[in-house]
Protein backbone atom coordinates (compact mmCIF):
# COMPACT_ATOMS: atom_id res chain seq x y z
CA MET A 1 0.03 0.00 0.05
CA THR A 2 2.97 2.25 0.77
CA GLY A 3 4.22 1.92 -2.91
CA PHE A 4 0.78 2.76 -4.30
CA ARG A 5 0.58 5.90 -2.26
CA LYS A 6 4.10 6.98 -3.36
CA PHE A 7 2.91 6.48 -6.94
CA LEU A 8 -0.23 8.52 -6.54
CA LEU A 9 1.48 11.34 -4.77
CA ARG A 10 4.44 11.53 -7.16
CA GLY A 11 4.67 14.97 -8.99
CA ASN A 12 4.22 13.37 -12.48
CA VAL A 13 1.02 11.51 -11.56
CA VAL A 14 -0.55 14.67 -9.99
CA ASP A 15 0.58 16.99 -12.75
CA LEU A 16 -0.88 14.65 -15.41
CA ALA A 17 -4.18 14.40 -13.51
CA VAL A 18 -4.47 18.25 -13.38
CA GLY A 19 -3.63 18.40 -17.15
CA VAL A 20 -6.22 15.81 -18.11
CA VAL A 21 -8.98 17.76 -16.04
CA ILE A 22 -7.89 21.02 -17.51
CA GLY A 23 -7.77 19.49 -20.96
CA ALA A 24 -11.40 18.09 -20.53
CA ALA A 25 -12.73 21.55 -19.32
CA PHE A 26 -11.01 23.24 -22.09
CA GLY A 27 -12.31 20.71 -24.65
CA GLY A 28 -15.87 21.48 -23.30
CA VAL A 29 -15.31 25.27 -23.73
CA VAL A 30 -13.90 24.72 -27.24
CA ALA A 31 -16.88 22.50 -28.16
CA ALA A 32 -19.31 25.07 -26.92
CA PHE A 33 -17.49 27.74 -28.88
CA VAL A 34 -17.67 25.72 -32.06
CA LYS A 35 -21.24 24.73 -31.58
CA GLY A 36 -22.53 28.23 -30.62
CA LEU A 37 -20.37 30.55 -32.55
CA ILE A 38 -18.29 29.07 -35.31
CA THR A 39 -20.93 26.52 -36.77
CA PRO A 40 -23.71 29.11 -37.13
CA LEU A 41 -21.06 31.47 -38.58
CA ILE A 42 -20.02 28.95 -41.29
CA GLY A 43 -23.68 28.11 -41.66
CA ALA A 44 -24.63 31.64 -42.32
CA PHE A 45 -22.27 31.67 -45.47
CA GLY A 46 -22.89 28.05 -46.40
CA GLY A 47 -26.71 27.97 -45.83
CA ILE A 48 -26.68 25.34 -43.16
CA PRO A 49 -27.41 26.94 -39.58
CA ASP A 50 -26.29 23.99 -37.81
CA PHE A 51 -24.07 21.10 -38.81
CA SER A 52 -25.31 18.75 -36.19
CA GLU A 53 -28.64 18.41 -37.93
CA TRP A 54 -27.01 17.40 -41.09
CA ALA A 55 -27.44 13.70 -41.57
CA VAL A 56 -27.92 11.14 -44.52
CA ALA A 57 -30.27 8.21 -44.30
CA ILE A 58 -29.38 4.96 -46.18
CA ASN A 59 -31.52 1.90 -45.82
CA GLY A 60 -32.87 3.13 -42.46
CA SER A 61 -29.30 3.87 -41.07
CA ARG A 62 -28.72 7.48 -40.11
CA PHE A 63 -25.26 8.86 -40.76
CA ALA A 64 -24.57 11.96 -38.63
CA ILE A 65 -22.22 13.84 -40.94
CA GLY A 66 -22.88 17.15 -39.12
CA GLU A 67 -21.66 15.82 -35.77
CA PHE A 68 -18.39 14.72 -37.44
CA ILE A 69 -17.96 18.19 -38.96
CA ASN A 70 -18.52 19.68 -35.59
CA ALA A 71 -16.08 17.42 -33.92
CA LEU A 72 -13.48 18.04 -36.70
CA LEU A 73 -14.01 21.91 -36.30
CA SER A 74 -13.40 21.53 -32.63
CA PHE A 75 -10.24 19.51 -33.12
CA LEU A 76 -8.81 22.11 -35.59
CA ILE A 77 -9.57 24.98 -33.23
CA VAL A 78 -7.94 23.18 -30.19
CA ALA A 79 -4.92 22.27 -32.24
CA THR A 80 -4.54 25.99 -33.56
CA VAL A 81 -4.93 27.25 -30.11
CA ILE A 82 -2.36 24.97 -28.57
CA TYR A 83 0.10 25.77 -31.37
CA PHE A 84 -0.15 29.36 -31.33
CA PHE A 85 -0.51 29.86 -27.55
CA VAL A 86 1.66 27.01 -26.13
CA VAL A 87 4.10 25.67 -28.85
CA VAL A 88 5.14 28.77 -30.58
CA PRO A 89 5.84 30.67 -27.08
CA MET A 90 7.58 27.63 -25.72
CA ASN A 91 9.97 27.19 -28.88
CA ARG A 92 10.78 30.95 -28.56
CA LEU A 93 11.68 30.49 -24.90
CA MET A 94 13.84 27.41 -25.51
CA GLU A 95 15.53 29.27 -28.44
CA ARG A 96 16.45 32.13 -26.09
CA PHE A 97 18.17 29.82 -23.61
CA GLN A 98 19.91 27.71 -26.19
CA THR A 99 23.74 27.97 -26.51
CA ASP A 100 25.68 27.75 -29.63
CA THR A 101 23.44 30.01 -31.70
CA PRO A 102 24.70 32.46 -34.13
CA THR A 103 23.74 35.31 -31.56
CA GLY A 104 24.58 33.13 -28.39
CA PRO A 105 27.83 32.28 -26.67
CA LYS A 106 30.17 29.96 -28.47
CA THR A 107 31.24 26.73 -26.46
CA ARG A 108 33.71 24.05 -26.80
CA ASP A 109 34.36 20.68 -24.90
CA CYS A 110 36.70 20.61 -21.91
CA PRO A 111 39.68 18.16 -22.62
CA GLU A 112 39.35 16.62 -19.03
CA CYS A 113 35.64 16.07 -18.52
CA LEU A 114 34.13 16.96 -22.04
CA SER A 115 31.61 19.28 -20.56
CA LYS A 116 30.50 22.30 -22.56
CA VAL A 117 32.39 25.49 -21.50
CA PRO A 118 32.61 29.03 -23.03
CA GLU A 119 35.46 29.47 -25.58
CA ALA A 120 37.12 32.21 -23.33
CA ALA A 121 37.04 30.12 -20.44
CA ARG A 122 40.46 29.52 -18.49
CA ARG A 123 38.93 26.88 -16.08
CA CYS A 124 36.23 24.21 -16.53
CA ALA A 125 33.13 25.03 -14.23
CA PHE A 126 32.42 21.24 -14.00
CA CYS A 127 35.82 19.65 -13.14
CA THR A 128 37.84 22.96 -12.42
CA ALA A 129 40.71 21.89 -14.80
CA GLU A 130 42.68 24.60 -16.23
CA ILE A 131 42.20 25.05 -19.93
CA ALA A 132 43.81 27.40 -22.47
CA PRO A 133 41.28 29.93 -23.97
CA THR A 134 40.77 29.76 -27.74
CA ALA A 135 38.99 33.11 -27.93
CA PRO A 136 40.63 36.37 -26.81
CA LEU A 137 39.29 37.68 -23.40
CA PRO A 138 37.17 40.68 -23.44
CA SER A 139 38.96 44.04 -22.52
CA ALA A 140 37.25 44.23 -19.21
CA GLU A 141 38.42 40.76 -18.04
CA VAL A 142 42.07 41.05 -19.15
CA ARG A 143 44.16 40.16 -16.25
CA ALA A 144 47.63 41.68 -15.68
């Protein structure tokens, strides 16, 4: 029982549960948005005021094509919102902290521990080994 309690109280499980609940609530909001606003707006231009009523009957079987269109629109809107409000800002944030970019600091491998260190470094921050700098030191840091 102790192992199960540890499993449930781990951060990953709790974070996942919160994410699922928030995602379900967000999905409900998007579904209502599509059903209440987007579908009637598209219907105003296409002549069908509500896609959920659109169906085809073949040999007594009813195919609810409109429900599929509503679900497809909901999916596309959720994907668009997630891309522009989560993925794009996260990629920009990760690019800002990424090293070895044309605008970022240049690094090289420490000969002792193979960790990444700045080119102008004289000592490795990880293993404290002395290393010869390959780039000239900035004028403010020149030591006599």
